[in-house]
Amino acid sequence: VLLSTFFLVMEIISIKTVIDNINRTEEEIQDLNEKLIYLKGFEKNMEEMLKNLDKLKKALPESPEISEVILTLKELALENSIKINEIRFEENKTEGLLNKLPLNISITGEYFEILEFIDKIKEKERIFTFDSIYIEKDDDTQELTADIYLNTYNLISK
């Protein structure tokens, strides 16, 4: 009887150990399930975050991309019947983590075309800020010439 009680107690201890292991495994599975749900939510948002990152890189590229700026301005001028007389870039200025690229654009066109050209620059993904705009009318040709002083920016690579 004593021997059978000993085996019974040993069996009970063994079963309790198995039950404890099962409970720990269930807790681990629950924890992993919660992590999986979190990761699936992150994965769902990752595509949107990558799109936002792409927009930010276009707004503030990692290099000045002067040729891209010139191409953008020429395309906008063509779309708005504007003649570009000159595009002149000034010396870059560092402002914190940004490289400020001042430029001057001299254009010729009609008043509303000039306004539309300016509006289209403001709508571009790349960041442009305007310092000043001067518009003059040529009394001989009746054409308007605008000198636009603006800035664009890029991130400073470290």
Protein backbone atom coordinates (compact mmCIF):
# COMPACT_ATOMS: atom_id res chain seq x y z
CA VAL A 1 0.00 0.00 0.00
CA LEU A 2 2.85 2.34 0.86
CA LEU A 3 4.53 1.61 -2.43
CA SER A 4 1.37 2.23 -4.42
CA THR A 5 0.83 5.52 -2.56
CA PHE A 6 4.38 6.55 -3.43
CA PHE A 7 3.80 5.80 -7.14
CA LEU A 8 0.48 7.62 -7.02
CA VAL A 9 2.12 10.71 -5.48
CA MET A 10 4.92 10.55 -8.08
CA GLU A 11 2.32 10.31 -10.85
CA ILE A 12 0.41 13.28 -9.41
CA ILE A 13 3.64 15.34 -9.25
CA SER A 14 4.41 14.37 -12.85
CA ILE A 15 0.90 15.33 -13.99
CA LYS A 16 1.14 18.65 -12.10
CA THR A 17 4.46 19.38 -13.84
CA VAL A 18 2.89 18.64 -17.23
CA ILE A 19 -0.09 20.88 -16.38
CA ASP A 20 2.28 23.68 -15.31
CA ASN A 21 4.21 23.29 -18.57
CA ILE A 22 0.96 23.41 -20.55
CA ASN A 23 -0.12 26.58 -18.71
CA ARG A 24 3.25 28.26 -19.38
CA THR A 25 3.06 27.24 -23.04
CA GLU A 26 -0.47 28.67 -23.28
CA GLU A 27 0.77 31.95 -21.78
CA GLU A 28 3.66 32.04 -24.25
CA ILE A 29 1.26 31.36 -27.12
CA GLN A 30 -1.02 34.17 -25.93
CA ASP A 31 1.96 36.54 -25.65
CA LEU A 32 3.16 35.58 -29.15
CA ASN A 33 -0.38 36.04 -30.49
CA GLU A 34 -0.49 39.58 -29.09
CA LYS A 35 2.88 40.34 -30.67
CA LEU A 36 1.69 38.90 -33.98
CA ILE A 37 -1.41 41.13 -33.92
CA TYR A 38 0.84 44.16 -33.20
CA LEU A 39 3.20 43.24 -36.06
CA LYS A 40 0.30 42.75 -38.48
CA GLY A 41 -0.93 46.25 -37.61
CA PHE A 42 2.56 47.61 -38.16
CA GLU A 43 2.83 45.76 -41.48
CA LYS A 44 -0.50 47.24 -42.55
CA ASN A 45 0.76 50.77 -41.84
CA MET A 46 4.21 50.17 -43.33
CA GLU A 47 3.07 50.78 -46.92
CA GLU A 48 1.52 54.11 -45.94
CA MET A 49 4.64 55.06 -43.99
CA LEU A 50 6.82 54.24 -47.01
CA LYS A 51 4.63 56.46 -49.21
CA ASN A 52 4.96 59.27 -46.67
CA LEU A 53 8.71 58.77 -46.54
CA ASP A 54 8.84 59.01 -50.34
CA LYS A 55 6.87 62.29 -50.21
CA LEU A 56 9.22 63.65 -47.57
CA LYS A 57 12.25 62.71 -49.66
CA LYS A 58 10.74 64.60 -52.60
CA ALA A 59 10.00 67.62 -50.42
CA LEU A 60 13.48 67.58 -48.88
CA PRO A 61 15.86 65.56 -51.04
CA GLU A 62 19.27 64.54 -49.76
CA SER A 63 21.11 66.58 -52.40
CA PRO A 64 20.41 69.97 -54.04
CA GLU A 65 19.27 68.35 -57.34
CA ILE A 66 19.73 71.63 -59.22
CA SER A 67 19.02 70.03 -62.59
CA GLU A 68 15.70 68.72 -61.22
CA VAL A 69 14.79 72.22 -59.98
CA ILE A 70 15.58 73.72 -63.40
CA LEU A 71 13.58 71.01 -65.18
CA THR A 72 10.59 71.57 -62.87
CA LEU A 73 10.65 75.34 -63.44
CA LYS A 74 10.94 74.92 -67.22
CA GLU A 75 8.01 72.48 -67.28
CA LEU A 76 5.86 74.88 -65.24
CA ALA A 77 6.83 77.78 -67.50
CA LEU A 78 5.87 75.79 -70.59
CA GLU A 79 2.54 74.75 -69.05
CA ASN A 80 1.71 78.39 -68.20
CA SER A 81 2.96 80.12 -71.40
CA ILE A 82 5.80 81.77 -69.48
CA LYS A 83 9.18 82.63 -70.97
CA ILE A 84 12.12 82.05 -68.64
CA ASN A 85 14.74 84.74 -69.17
CA GLU A 86 17.16 83.50 -66.52
CA ILE A 87 17.51 81.10 -63.62
CA ARG A 88 20.35 82.01 -61.30
CA PHE A 89 21.37 80.05 -58.23
CA GLU A 90 23.05 81.81 -55.34
CA GLU A 91 25.48 80.33 -52.82
CA ASN A 92 24.00 77.62 -50.59
CA LYS A 93 23.39 78.49 -46.95
CA THR A 94 23.37 75.96 -44.13
CA GLU A 95 20.49 76.29 -41.65
CA GLY A 96 20.64 73.53 -39.05
CA LEU A 97 20.05 70.22 -40.81
CA LEU A 98 18.95 71.97 -44.00
CA ASN A 99 20.87 73.30 -46.94
CA LYS A 100 19.10 76.44 -48.24
CA LEU A 101 19.48 76.95 -51.99
CA PRO A 102 18.51 80.54 -52.95
CA LEU A 103 17.62 81.20 -56.57
CA ASN A 104 16.33 83.98 -58.78
CA ILE A 105 14.04 83.40 -61.74
CA SER A 106 13.42 86.12 -64.29
CA ILE A 107 10.31 85.42 -66.38
CA THR A 108 8.17 87.19 -68.94
CA GLY A 109 4.45 86.66 -69.44
CA GLU A 110 0.97 87.99 -68.83
CA TYR A 111 -0.15 88.86 -65.33
CA PHE A 112 -2.46 85.89 -64.71
CA GLU A 113 0.04 83.47 -66.30
CA ILE A 114 2.71 84.74 -63.92
CA LEU A 115 0.35 84.26 -60.95
CA GLU A 116 -0.51 80.75 -62.12
CA PHE A 117 3.20 79.95 -62.53
CA ILE A 118 3.83 81.07 -58.93
CA ASP A 119 0.85 79.05 -57.65
CA LYS A 120 2.11 75.94 -59.44
CA ILE A 121 5.54 76.32 -57.83
CA LYS A 122 3.83 76.41 -54.42
CA GLU A 123 1.92 73.21 -55.25
CA LYS A 124 5.02 71.16 -56.07
CA GLU A 125 6.08 68.37 -53.72
CA ARG A 126 9.50 69.95 -53.29
CA ILE A 127 9.55 72.75 -50.72
CA PHE A 128 9.94 76.26 -52.15
CA THR A 129 9.70 79.47 -50.13
CA PHE A 130 9.36 82.89 -51.70
CA ASP A 131 11.44 85.84 -50.51
CA SER A 132 10.16 88.48 -52.93
CA ILE A 133 8.52 89.02 -56.30
CA TYR A 134 9.02 92.11 -58.42
CA ILE A 135 6.88 92.70 -61.51
CA GLU A 136 7.63 95.36 -64.09
CA LYS A 137 5.80 96.33 -67.25
CA ASP A 138 7.82 97.11 -70.37
CA ASP A 139 6.22 100.27 -71.80
CA ASP A 140 7.40 99.46 -75.33
CA THR A 141 6.23 95.82 -75.56
CA GLN A 142 3.55 95.92 -72.82
CA GLU A 143 5.01 92.63 -71.50
CA LEU A 144 5.39 91.93 -67.81
CA THR A 145 8.71 90.77 -66.44
CA ALA A 146 8.81 89.19 -62.99
CA ASP A 147 11.90 88.66 -60.89
CA ILE A 148 11.14 85.94 -58.36
CA TYR A 149 13.49 85.36 -55.45
CA LEU A 150 12.88 82.04 -53.77
CA ASN A 151 14.56 79.20 -51.93
CA THR A 152 14.47 75.47 -52.06
CA TYR A 153 16.02 73.11 -49.57
CA ASN A 154 17.70 69.76 -49.15
CA LEU A 155 18.77 67.73 -46.15
CA ILE A 156 22.41 67.81 -45.20
CA SER A 157 23.90 64.34 -45.46
CA LYS A 158 25.92 63.30 -42.45
